[in-house]
PDB file of N, CA and C in Angstrom:
ATOM      1  N   MET A   1     -95.200-101.542-111.103  1.00  0.00           N
ATOM      2  CA  MET A   1     -96.458-101.364-110.388  1.00  0.00           C
ATOM      3  C   MET A   1     -96.521-102.419-109.288  1.00  0.00           C
ATOM      4  N   ASN A   2     -96.803-101.961-108.082  1.00  0.00           N
ATOM      5  CA  ASN A   2     -96.887-102.915-106.984  1.00  0.00           C
ATOM      6  C   ASN A   2     -98.262-103.585-106.944  1.00  0.00           C
ATOM      7  N   THR A   3     -98.396-104.537-106.061  1.00  0.00           N
ATOM      8  CA  THR A   3     -99.622-105.340-106.014  1.00  0.00           C
ATOM      9  C   THR A   3    -100.831-104.520-105.583  1.00  0.00           C
ATOM     10  N   LEU A   4    -100.631-103.609-104.624  1.00  0.00           N
ATOM     11  CA  LEU A   4    -101.754-102.783-104.159  1.00  0.00           C
ATOM     12  C   LEU A   4    -102.268-101.886-105.276  1.00  0.00           C
ATOM     13  N   THR A   5    -101.377-101.255-106.024  1.00  0.00           N
ATOM     14  CA  THR A   5    -101.799-100.393-107.132  1.00  0.00           C
ATOM     15  C   THR A   5    -102.525-101.200-108.199  1.00  0.00           C
ATOM     16  N   ALA A   6    -102.009-102.367-108.501  1.00  0.00           N
ATOM     17  CA  ALA A   6    -102.670-103.221-109.493  1.00  0.00           C
ATOM     18  C   ALA A   6    -104.061-103.636-109.025  1.00  0.00           C
ATOM     19  N   ALA A   7    -104.201-103.916-107.730  1.00  0.00           N
ATOM     20  CA  ALA A   7    -105.512-104.312-107.207  1.00  0.00           C
ATOM     21  C   ALA A   7    -106.498-103.142-107.268  1.00  0.00           C
ATOM     22  N   VAL A   8    -106.018-101.930-106.955  1.00  0.00           N
ATOM     23  CA  VAL A   8    -106.903-100.749-107.014  1.00  0.00           C
ATOM     24  C   VAL A   8    -107.329-100.484-108.454  1.00  0.00           C
ATOM     25  N   VAL A   9    -106.398-100.567-109.392  1.00  0.00           N
ATOM     26  CA  VAL A   9    -106.737-100.354-110.806  1.00  0.00           C
ATOM     27  C   VAL A   9    -107.741-101.406-111.272  1.00  0.00           C
ATOM     28  N   ALA A  10    -107.514-102.649-110.911  1.00  0.00           N
ATOM     29  CA  ALA A  10    -108.434-103.716-111.319  1.00  0.00           C
ATOM     30  C   ALA A  10    -109.816-103.503-110.717  1.00  0.00           C
ATOM     31  N   ALA A  11    -109.863-103.121-109.430  1.00  0.00           N
ATOM     32  CA  ALA A  11    -111.160-102.894-108.788  1.00  0.00           C
ATOM     33  C   ALA A  11    -111.904-101.725-109.446  1.00  0.00           C
ATOM     34  N   LEU A  12    -111.190-100.640-109.768  1.00  0.00           N
ATOM     35  CA  LEU A  12    -111.840 -99.503-110.422  1.00  0.00           C
ATOM     36  C   LEU A  12    -112.335 -99.871-111.818  1.00  0.00           C
ATOM     37  N   LEU A  13    -111.577-100.679-112.524  1.00  0.00           N
ATOM     38  CA  LEU A  13    -112.031-101.116-113.852  1.00  0.00           C
ATOM     39  C   LEU A  13    -113.263-102.007-113.759  1.00  0.00           C
ATOM     40  N   VAL A  14    -113.300-102.881-112.772  1.00  0.00           N
ATOM     41  CA  VAL A  14    -114.478-103.751-112.599  1.00  0.00           C
ATOM     42  C   VAL A  14    -115.703-102.924-112.217  1.00  0.00           C
ATOM     43  N   VAL A  15    -115.531-101.988-111.279  1.00  0.00           N
ATOM     44  CA  VAL A  15    -116.660-101.135-110.871  1.00  0.00           C
ATOM     45  C   VAL A  15    -117.134-100.293-112.057  1.00  0.00           C
ATOM     46  N   GLY A  16    -116.201 -99.709-112.796  1.00  0.00           N
ATOM     47  CA  GLY A  16    -116.573 -98.911-113.959  1.00  0.00           C
ATOM     48  C   GLY A  16    -117.294 -99.727-115.006  1.00  0.00           C
ATOM     49  N   SER A  17    -116.812-100.913-115.266  1.00  0.00           N
ATOM     50  CA  SER A  17    -117.471-101.776-116.254  1.00  0.00           C
ATOM     51  C   SER A  17    -118.868-102.181-115.789  1.00  0.00           C
ATOM     52  N   ALA A  18    -119.020-102.422-114.489  1.00  0.00           N
ATOM     53  CA  ALA A  18    -120.336-102.791-113.967  1.00  0.00           C
ATOM     54  C   ALA A  18    -121.328-101.630-114.127  1.00  0.00           C
ATOM     55  N   PHE A  19    -120.898-100.413-113.802  1.00  0.00           N
ATOM     56  CA  PHE A  19    -121.792 -99.265-113.963  1.00  0.00           C
ATOM     57  C   PHE A  19    -122.132 -99.025-115.435  1.00  0.00           C
ATOM     58  N   LEU A  20    -121.154 -99.182-116.317  1.00  0.00           N
ATOM     59  CA  LEU A  20    -121.435 -99.016-117.750  1.00  0.00           C
ATOM     60  C   LEU A  20    -122.408-100.075-118.249  1.00  0.00           C
ATOM     61  N   THR A  21    -122.283-101.291-117.746  1.00  0.00           N
ATOM     62  CA  THR A  21    -123.218-102.356-118.125  1.00  0.00           C
ATOM     63  C   THR A  21    -124.626-102.036-117.624  1.00  0.00           C
ATOM     64  N   ILE A  22    -124.732-101.560-116.386  1.00  0.00           N
ATOM     65  CA  ILE A  22    -126.041-101.197-115.838  1.00  0.00           C
ATOM     66  C   ILE A  22    -126.670-100.059-116.652  1.00  0.00           C
ATOM     67  N   GLY A  23    -125.873 -99.066-117.016  1.00  0.00           N
ATOM     68  CA  GLY A  23    -126.386 -97.969-117.839  1.00  0.00           C
ATOM     69  C   GLY A  23    -126.852 -98.440-119.204  1.00  0.00           C
ATOM     70  N   THR A  24    -126.119 -99.363-119.781  1.00  0.00           N
ATOM     71  CA  THR A  24    -126.507 -99.896-121.086  1.00  0.00           C
ATOM     72  C   THR A  24    -127.795-100.705-120.985  1.00  0.00           C
ATOM     73  N   LEU A  25    -127.916-101.505-119.938  1.00  0.00           N
ATOM     74  CA  LEU A  25    -129.161-102.259-119.746  1.00  0.00           C
ATOM     75  C   LEU A  25    -130.342-101.319-119.529  1.00  0.00           C
ATOM     76  N   GLY A  26    -130.124-100.238-118.785  1.00  0.00           N
ATOM     77  CA  GLY A  26    -131.189 -99.252-118.595  1.00  0.00           C
ATOM     78  C   GLY A  26    -131.596 -98.604-119.896  1.00  0.00           C
ATOM     79  N   LEU A  27    -130.623 -98.315-120.741  1.00  0.00           N
ATOM     80  CA  LEU A  27    -130.926 -97.720-122.045  1.00  0.00           C
ATOM     81  C   LEU A  27    -131.746 -98.675-122.897  1.00  0.00           C
ATOM     82  N   LEU A  28    -131.447 -99.952-122.802  1.00  0.00           N
ATOM     83  CA  LEU A  28    -132.145-100.927-123.639  1.00  0.00           C
ATOM     84  C   LEU A  28    -133.497-101.337-123.072  1.00  0.00           C
ATOM     85  N   ARG A  29    -133.664-101.317-121.763  1.00  0.00           N
ATOM     86  CA  ARG A  29    -134.848-101.919-121.153  1.00  0.00           C
ATOM     87  C   ARG A  29    -135.890-100.940-120.629  1.00  0.00           C
ATOM     88  N   LEU A  30    -135.543 -99.713-120.306  1.00  0.00           N
ATOM     89  CA  LEU A  30    -136.506 -98.801-119.681  1.00  0.00           C
ATOM     90  C   LEU A  30    -137.486 -98.255-120.722  1.00  0.00           C
ATOM     91  N   PRO A  31    -138.702 -97.866-120.282  1.00  0.00           N
ATOM     92  CA  PRO A  31    -139.781 -97.658-121.233  1.00  0.00           C
ATOM     93  C   PRO A  31    -139.820 -96.314-121.959  1.00  0.00           C
ATOM     94  N   ASP A  32    -139.316 -95.233-121.383  1.00  0.00           N
ATOM     95  CA  ASP A  32    -139.447 -93.956-122.091  1.00  0.00           C
ATOM     96  C   ASP A  32    -138.143 -93.169-122.057  1.00  0.00           C
ATOM     97  N   VAL A  33    -138.140 -92.053-122.745  1.00  0.00           N
ATOM     98  CA  VAL A  33    -136.907 -91.276-122.906  1.00  0.00           C
ATOM     99  C   VAL A  33    -136.400 -90.736-121.574  1.00  0.00           C
ATOM    100  N   TYR A  34    -137.290 -90.395-120.665  1.00  0.00           N
ATOM    101  CA  TYR A  34    -136.871 -89.824-119.377  1.00  0.00           C
ATOM    102  C   TYR A  34    -136.167 -90.880-118.516  1.00  0.00           C
ATOM    103  N   ASN A  35    -136.718 -92.057-118.466  1.00  0.00           N
ATOM    104  CA  ASN A  35    -136.087 -93.136-117.705  1.00  0.00           C
ATOM    105  C   ASN A  35    -134.759 -93.560-118.337  1.00  0.00           C
ATOM    106  N   ARG A  36    -134.739 -93.625-119.666  1.00  0.00           N
ATOM    107  CA  ARG A  36    -133.501 -94.002-120.349  1.00  0.00           C
ATOM    108  C   ARG A  36    -132.418 -92.955-120.130  1.00  0.00           C
ATOM    109  N   MET A  37    -132.812 -91.683-120.179  1.00  0.00           N
ATOM    110  CA  MET A  37    -131.855 -90.610-119.953  1.00  0.00           C
ATOM    111  C   MET A  37    -131.287 -90.677-118.538  1.00  0.00           C
ATOM    112  N   HIS A  38    -132.136 -90.958-117.572  1.00  0.00           N
ATOM    113  CA  HIS A  38    -131.687 -91.058-116.188  1.00  0.00           C
ATOM    114  C   HIS A  38    -130.691 -92.204-116.031  1.00  0.00           C
ATOM    115  N   ALA A  39    -131.020 -93.354-116.584  1.00  0.00           N
ATOM    116  CA  ALA A  39    -130.138 -94.518-116.450  1.00  0.00           C
ATOM    117  C   ALA A  39    -128.792 -94.275-117.106  1.00  0.00           C
ATOM    118  N   THR A  40    -128.814 -93.701-118.286  1.00  0.00           N
ATOM    119  CA  THR A  40    -127.545 -93.505-118.982  1.00  0.00           C
ATOM    120  C   THR A  40    -126.716 -92.396-118.367  1.00  0.00           C
ATOM    121  N   SER A  41    -127.350 -91.327-117.930  1.00  0.00           N
ATOM    122  CA  SER A  41    -126.548 -90.214-117.401  1.00  0.00           C
ATOM    123  C   SER A  41    -125.938 -90.543-116.041  1.00  0.00           C
ATOM    124  N   LYS A  42    -126.663 -91.166-115.173  1.00  0.00           N
ATOM    125  CA  LYS A  42    -126.137 -91.467-113.834  1.00  0.00           C
ATOM    126  C   LYS A  42    -125.142 -92.626-113.851  1.00  0.00           C
ATOM    127  N   ALA A  43    -125.575 -93.744-114.373  1.00  0.00           N
ATOM    128  CA  ALA A  43    -124.734 -94.946-114.289  1.00  0.00           C
ATOM    129  C   ALA A  43    -123.497 -94.839-115.168  1.00  0.00           C
ATOM    130  N   THR A  44    -123.655 -94.325-116.357  1.00  0.00           N
ATOM    131  CA  THR A  44    -122.479 -94.264-117.230  1.00  0.00           C
ATOM    132  C   THR A  44    -121.502 -93.176-116.792  1.00  0.00           C
ATOM    133  N   THR A  45    -121.986 -92.130-116.139  1.00  0.00           N
ATOM    134  CA  THR A  45    -121.064 -91.133-115.591  1.00  0.00           C
ATOM    135  C   THR A  45    -120.190 -91.760-114.515  1.00  0.00           C
ATOM    136  N   LEU A  46    -120.802 -92.510-113.621  1.00  0.00           N
ATOM    137  CA  LEU A  46    -120.018 -93.178-112.582  1.00  0.00           C
ATOM    138  C   LEU A  46    -119.079 -94.229-113.175  1.00  0.00           C
ATOM    139  N   GLY A  47    -119.546 -94.952-114.178  1.00  0.00           N
ATOM    140  CA  GLY A  47    -118.706 -95.962-114.806  1.00  0.00           C
ATOM    141  C   GLY A  47    -117.515 -95.361-115.519  1.00  0.00           C
ATOM    142  N   ALA A  48    -117.756 -94.329-116.300  1.00  0.00           N
ATOM    143  CA  ALA A  48    -116.648 -93.691-117.015  1.00  0.00           C
ATOM    144  C   ALA A  48    -115.696 -93.002-116.044  1.00  0.00           C
ATOM    145  N   ALA A  49    -116.231 -92.396-114.982  1.00  0.00           N
ATOM    146  CA  ALA A  49    -115.367 -91.752-113.990  1.00  0.00           C
ATOM    147  C   ALA A  49    -114.492 -92.779-113.276  1.00  0.00           C
ATOM    148  N   SER A  50    -115.035 -93.949-112.994  1.00  0.00           N
ATOM    149  CA  SER A  50    -114.234 -95.002-112.363  1.00  0.00           C
ATOM    150  C   SER A  50    -113.106 -95.462-113.278  1.00  0.00           C
ATOM    151  N   ILE A  51    -113.390 -95.568-114.563  1.00  0.00           N
ATOM    152  CA  ILE A  51    -112.344 -95.982-115.500  1.00  0.00           C
ATOM    153  C   ILE A  51    -111.297 -94.881-115.656  1.00  0.00           C
ATOM    154  N   PHE A  52    -111.734 -93.615-115.706  1.00  0.00           N
ATOM    155  CA  PHE A  52    -110.768 -92.505-115.725  1.00  0.00           C
ATOM    156  C   PHE A  52    -109.914 -92.514-114.461  1.00  0.00           C
ATOM    157  N   LEU A  53    -110.533 -92.788-113.322  1.00  0.00           N
ATOM    158  CA  LEU A  53    -109.786 -92.830-112.054  1.00  0.00           C
ATOM    159  C   LEU A  53    -108.777 -93.967-112.050  1.00  0.00           C
ATOM    160  N   ALA A  54    -109.134 -95.085-112.668  1.00  0.00           N
ATOM    161  CA  ALA A  54    -108.163 -96.175-112.810  1.00  0.00           C
ATOM    162  C   ALA A  54    -106.977 -95.729-113.648  1.00  0.00           C
ATOM    163  N   GLY A  55    -107.223 -94.937-114.680  1.00  0.00           N
ATOM    164  CA  GLY A  55    -106.131 -94.385-115.483  1.00  0.00           C
ATOM    165  C   GLY A  55    -105.253 -93.459-114.678  1.00  0.00           C
ATOM    166  N   PHE A  56    -105.867 -92.669-113.802  1.00  0.00           N
ATOM    167  CA  PHE A  56    -105.077 -91.779-112.939  1.00  0.00           C
ATOM    168  C   PHE A  56    -104.209 -92.587-111.982  1.00  0.00           C
ATOM    169  N   VAL A  57    -104.757 -93.618-111.390  1.00  0.00           N
ATOM    170  CA  VAL A  57    -103.981 -94.447-110.454  1.00  0.00           C
ATOM    171  C   VAL A  57    -102.849 -95.157-111.199  1.00  0.00           C
ATOM    172  N   TYR A  58    -103.106 -95.612-112.397  1.00  0.00           N
ATOM    173  CA  TYR A  58    -102.107 -96.359-113.160  1.00  0.00           C
ATOM    174  C   TYR A  58    -100.978 -95.452-113.647  1.00  0.00           C
ATOM    175  N   PHE A  59    -101.316 -94.278-114.216  1.00  0.00           N
ATOM    176  CA  PHE A  59    -100.307 -93.429-114.842  1.00  0.00           C
ATOM    177  C   PHE A  59     -99.688 -92.423-113.887  1.00  0.00           C
ATOM    178  N   GLY A  60    -100.333 -92.153-112.757  1.00  0.00           N
ATOM    179  CA  GLY A  60     -99.767 -91.191-111.818  1.00  0.00           C
ATOM    180  C   GLY A  60    -100.265 -89.781-112.080  1.00  0.00           C
ATOM    181  N   PRO A  61     -99.779 -88.807-111.305  1.00  0.00           N
ATOM    182  CA  PRO A  61    -100.355 -87.461-111.362  1.00  0.00           C
ATOM    183  C   PRO A  61     -99.894 -86.617-112.553  1.00  0.00           C
ATOM    184  N   SER A  62     -99.043 -87.106-113.411  1.00  0.00           N
ATOM    185  CA  SER A  62     -98.626 -86.290-114.558  1.00  0.00           C
ATOM    186  C   SER A  62     -98.922 -87.040-115.856  1.00  0.00           C
ATOM    187  N   GLY A  63     -98.901 -86.325-116.953  1.00  0.00           N
ATOM    188  CA  GLY A  63     -99.114 -86.937-118.260  1.00  0.00           C
ATOM    189  C   GLY A  63    -100.521 -87.470-118.441  1.00  0.00           C
ATOM    190  N   ALA A  64    -100.630 -88.753-118.725  1.00  0.00           N
ATOM    191  CA  ALA A  64    -101.937 -89.367-118.981  1.00  0.00           C
ATOM    192  C   ALA A  64    -102.812 -89.384-117.729  1.00  0.00           C
ATOM    193  N   GLY A  65    -102.198 -89.426-116.558  1.00  0.00           N
ATOM    194  CA  GLY A  65    -102.971 -89.369-115.322  1.00  0.00           C
ATOM    195  C   GLY A  65    -103.679 -88.040-115.157  1.00  0.00           C
ATOM    196  N   LEU A  66    -102.983 -86.954-115.497  1.00  0.00           N
ATOM    197  CA  LEU A  66    -103.606 -85.628-115.440  1.00  0.00           C
ATOM    198  C   LEU A  66    -104.736 -85.518-116.460  1.00  0.00           C
ATOM    199  N   THR A  67    -104.534 -86.106-117.610  1.00  0.00           N
ATOM    200  CA  THR A  67    -105.601 -86.127-118.620  1.00  0.00           C
ATOM    201  C   THR A  67    -106.824 -86.873-118.090  1.00  0.00           C
ATOM    202  N   SER A  68    -106.598 -87.926-117.329  1.00  0.00           N
ATOM    203  CA  SER A  68    -107.718 -88.663-116.738  1.00  0.00           C
ATOM    204  C   SER A  68    -108.492 -87.793-115.755  1.00  0.00           C
ATOM    205  N   LEU A  69    -107.778 -87.017-114.955  1.00  0.00           N
ATOM    206  CA  LEU A  69    -108.475 -86.125-114.009  1.00  0.00           C
ATOM    207  C   LEU A  69    -109.271 -85.053-114.747  1.00  0.00           C
ATOM    208  N   VAL A  70    -108.705 -84.515-115.803  1.00  0.00           N
ATOM    209  CA  VAL A  70    -109.431 -83.527-116.604  1.00  0.00           C
ATOM    210  C   VAL A  70    -110.667 -84.170-117.232  1.00  0.00           C
ATOM    211  N   GLY A  71    -110.523 -85.415-117.652  1.00  0.00           N
ATOM    212  CA  GLY A  71    -111.667 -86.136-118.209  1.00  0.00           C
ATOM    213  C   GLY A  71    -112.783 -86.307-117.199  1.00  0.00           C
ATOM    214  N   ILE A  72    -112.438 -86.586-115.948  1.00  0.00           N
ATOM    215  CA  ILE A  72    -113.456 -86.721-114.898  1.00  0.00           C
ATOM    216  C   ILE A  72    -114.167 -85.387-114.686  1.00  0.00           C
ATOM    217  N   ALA A  73    -113.401 -84.304-114.602  1.00  0.00           N
ATOM    218  CA  ALA A  73    -114.018 -82.985-114.408  1.00  0.00           C
ATOM    219  C   ALA A  73    -114.930 -82.632-115.576  1.00  0.00           C
ATOM    220  N   PHE A  74    -114.465 -82.871-116.797  1.00  0.00           N
ATOM    221  CA  PHE A  74    -115.270 -82.587-117.975  1.00  0.00           C
ATOM    222  C   PHE A  74    -116.540 -83.421-117.988  1.00  0.00           C
ATOM    223  N   LEU A  75    -116.423 -84.676-117.600  1.00  0.00           N
ATOM    224  CA  LEU A  75    -117.582 -85.577-117.572  1.00  0.00           C
ATOM    225  C   LEU A  75    -118.627 -85.110-116.565  1.00  0.00           C
ATOM    226  N   PHE A  76    -118.179 -84.716-115.376  1.00  0.00           N
ATOM    227  CA  PHE A  76    -119.125 -84.281-114.354  1.00  0.00           C
ATOM    228  C   PHE A  76    -119.729 -82.917-114.663  1.00  0.00           C
ATOM    229  N   LEU A  77    -119.084 -82.130-115.497  1.00  0.00           N
ATOM    230  CA  LEU A  77    -119.662 -80.845-115.894  1.00  0.00           C
ATOM    231  C   LEU A  77    -120.635 -80.983-117.063  1.00  0.00           C
ATOM    232  N   THR A  78    -120.353 -81.860-117.999  1.00  0.00           N
ATOM    233  CA  THR A  78    -121.147 -81.915-119.226  1.00  0.00           C
ATOM    234  C   THR A  78    -122.307 -82.905-119.188  1.00  0.00           C
ATOM    235  N   THR A  79    -122.194 -83.975-118.451  1.00  0.00           N
ATOM    236  CA  THR A  79    -123.259 -84.984-118.472  1.00  0.00           C
ATOM    237  C   THR A  79    -124.578 -84.467-117.890  1.00  0.00           C
ATOM    238  N   PRO A  80    -124.597 -83.797-116.722  1.00  0.00           N
ATOM    239  CA  PRO A  80    -125.878 -83.276-116.238  1.00  0.00           C
ATOM    240  C   PRO A  80    -126.481 -82.239-117.180  1.00  0.00           C
ATOM    241  N   THR A  81    -125.638 -81.435-117.806  1.00  0.00           N
ATOM    242  CA  THR A  81    -126.137 -80.441-118.748  1.00  0.00           C
ATOM    243  C   THR A  81    -126.783 -81.115-119.949  1.00  0.00           C
ATOM    244  N   GLY A  82    -126.134 -82.120-120.477  1.00  0.00           N
ATOM    245  CA  GLY A  82    -126.685 -82.842-121.607  1.00  0.00           C
ATOM    246  C   GLY A  82    -127.981 -83.558-121.266  1.00  0.00           C
ATOM    247  N   ALA A  83    -128.028 -84.168-120.088  1.00  0.00           N
ATOM    248  CA  ALA A  83    -129.248 -84.868-119.672  1.00  0.00           C
ATOM    249  C   ALA A  83    -130.396 -83.885-119.491  1.00  0.00           C
ATOM    250  N   HIS A  84    -130.102 -82.729-118.920  1.00  0.00           N
ATOM    251  CA  HIS A  84    -131.145 -81.713-118.754  1.00  0.00           C
ATOM    252  C   HIS A  84    -131.647 -81.232-120.114  1.00  0.00           C
ATOM    253  N   MET A  85    -130.748 -81.031-121.055  1.00  0.00           N
ATOM    254  CA  MET A  85    -131.161 -80.573-122.382  1.00  0.00           C
ATOM    255  C   MET A  85    -132.019 -81.618-123.085  1.00  0.00           C
ATOM    256  N   ILE A  86    -131.674 -82.874-122.956  1.00  0.00           N
ATOM    257  CA  ILE A  86    -132.484 -83.932-123.571  1.00  0.00           C
ATOM    258  C   ILE A  86    -133.866 -83.968-122.942  1.00  0.00           C
ATOM    259  N   SER A  87    -133.934 -83.845-121.612  1.00  0.00           N
ATOM    260  CA  SER A  87    -135.222 -83.871-120.924  1.00  0.00           C
ATOM    261  C   SER A  87    -136.096 -82.680-121.327  1.00  0.00           C
ATOM    262  N   ARG A  88    -135.528 -81.497-121.370  1.00  0.00           N
ATOM    263  CA  ARG A  88    -136.310 -80.307-121.753  1.00  0.00           C
ATOM    264  C   ARG A  88    -136.760 -80.392-123.204  1.00  0.00           C
ATOM    265  N   SER A  89    -135.904 -80.911-124.053  1.00  0.00           N
ATOM    266  CA  SER A  89    -136.289 -81.056-125.460  1.00  0.00           C
ATOM    267  C   SER A  89    -137.437 -82.046-125.611  1.00  0.00           C
ATOM    268  N   ALA A  90    -137.372 -83.144-124.868  1.00  0.00           N
ATOM    269  CA  ALA A  90    -138.457 -84.123-124.930  1.00  0.00           C
ATOM    270  C   ALA A  90    -139.751 -83.523-124.407  1.00  0.00           C
ATOM    271  N   GLN A  91    -139.666 -82.732-123.324  1.00  0.00           N
ATOM    272  CA  GLN A  91    -140.866 -82.092-122.797  1.00  0.00           C
ATOM    273  C   GLN A  91    -141.449 -81.114-123.807  1.00  0.00           C
ATOM    274  N   LYS A  92    -140.616 -80.305-124.430  1.00  0.00           N
ATOM    275  CA  LYS A  92    -141.103 -79.315-125.403  1.00  0.00           C
ATOM    276  C   LYS A  92    -141.679 -79.993-126.643  1.00  0.00           C
ATOM    277  N   MET A  93    -141.203 -81.201-126.979  1.00  0.00           N
ATOM    278  CA  MET A  93    -141.736 -81.935-128.118  1.00  0.00           C
ATOM    279  C   MET A  93    -143.010 -82.690-127.757  1.00  0.00           C
ATOM    280  N   GLY A  94    -143.393 -82.679-126.469  1.00  0.00           N
ATOM    281  CA  GLY A  94    -144.625 -83.333-126.054  1.00  0.00           C
ATOM    282  C   GLY A  94    -144.498 -84.812-125.789  1.00  0.00           C
ATOM    283  N   VAL A  95    -143.306 -85.279-125.509  1.00  0.00           N
ATOM    284  CA  VAL A  95    -143.120 -86.697-125.211  1.00  0.00           C
ATOM    285  C   VAL A  95    -143.742 -86.981-123.840  1.00  0.00           C
ATOM    286  N   GLU A  96    -144.635 -87.947-123.800  1.00  0.00           N
ATOM    287  CA  GLU A  96    -145.352 -88.286-122.570  1.00  0.00           C
ATOM    288  C   GLU A  96    -144.518 -89.197-121.687  1.00  0.00           C
ATOM    289  N   PHE A  97    -144.821 -89.154-120.380  1.00  0.00           N
ATOM    290  CA  PHE A  97    -144.218 -90.078-119.429  1.00  0.00           C
ATOM    291  C   PHE A  97    -144.836 -91.460-119.584  1.00  0.00           C
ATOM    292  N   PHE A  98    -144.096 -92.464-119.200  1.00  0.00           N
ATOM    293  CA  PHE A  98    -144.639 -93.811-119.124  1.00  0.00           C
ATOM    294  C   PHE A  98    -145.434 -93.916-117.824  1.00  0.00           C
ATOM    295  N   GLY A  99    -146.622 -94.446-117.857  1.00  0.00           N
ATOM    296  CA  GLY A  99    -147.433 -94.620-116.654  1.00  0.00           C
ATOM    297  C   GLY A  99    -148.217 -93.366-116.311  1.00  0.00           C
ATOM    298  N   ASN A 100    -148.451 -93.154-115.016  1.00  0.00           N
ATOM    299  CA  ASN A 100    -149.296 -92.057-114.556  1.00  0.00           C
ATOM    300  C   ASN A 100    -148.525 -90.814-114.137  1.00  0.00           C
ATOM    301  N   ALA A 101    -147.250 -90.755-114.344  1.00  0.00           N
ATOM    302  CA  ALA A 101    -146.448 -89.604-113.934  1.00  0.00           C
ATOM    303  C   ALA A 101    -146.802 -88.389-114.782  1.00  0.00           C
ATOM    304  N   ASP A 102    -146.619 -87.186-114.222  1.00  0.00           N
ATOM    305  CA  ASP A 102    -146.920 -85.955-114.925  1.00  0.00           C
ATOM    306  C   ASP A 102    -145.946 -84.879-114.480  1.00  0.00           C
ATOM    307  N   TRP A 103    -145.770 -83.843-115.288  1.00  0.00           N
ATOM    308  CA  TRP A 103    -144.926 -82.726-114.917  1.00  0.00           C
ATOM    309  C   TRP A 103    -145.560 -81.962-113.771  1.00  0.00           C
ATOM    310  N   PRO A 104    -144.808 -81.416-112.855  1.00  0.00           N
ATOM    311  CA  PRO A 104    -145.395 -80.617-111.777  1.00  0.00           C
ATOM    312  C   PRO A 104    -146.024 -79.347-112.338  1.00  0.00           C
ATOM    313  N   GLU A 105    -147.082 -78.901-111.682  1.00  0.00           N
ATOM    314  CA  GLU A 105    -147.781 -77.688-112.116  1.00  0.00           C
ATOM    315  C   GLU A 105    -146.972 -76.470-111.719  1.00  0.00           C
ATOM    316  N   ASP A 106    -147.020 -75.445-112.556  1.00  0.00           N
ATOM    317  CA  ASP A 106    -146.383 -74.173-112.215  1.00  0.00           C
ATOM    318  C   ASP A 106    -147.270 -73.436-111.225  1.00  0.00           C
ATOM    319  N   ASP A 107    -146.641 -72.772-110.220  1.00  0.00           N
ATOM    320  CA  ASP A 107    -147.392 -72.024-109.215  1.00  0.00           C
ATOM    321  C   ASP A 107    -147.486 -70.542-109.550  1.00  0.00           C
ATOM    322  N   ASP A 108    -147.214 -70.174-110.793  1.00  0.00           N
ATOM    323  CA  ASP A 108    -147.230 -68.750-111.176  1.00  0.00           C
ATOM    324  C   ASP A 108    -148.609 -68.157-111.103  1.00  0.00           C
TER     325      ASP A 108
END
């Protein structure tokens, strides 16, 4: 592995770890399920994708590198779906927003 590849892998790992840390802090510190869901779905998706991308750069386009790319695609397809399902479930269970926020009114 040359120096440039090692630097790119290290930078992607640092960025991924930073996003995962931010997502974890959001999960621990934000006041309600909607805010926690937002923090974990956005930040941890970017963090995990950065770490998968570091795996792709390190291993190359075949073998484990291809698995890393598939992992990124799977992550970007499933995380928004899961976050939406958690949000809808919380709404149907009557979980209130923190503060003065409210669901938009239906125009039907």
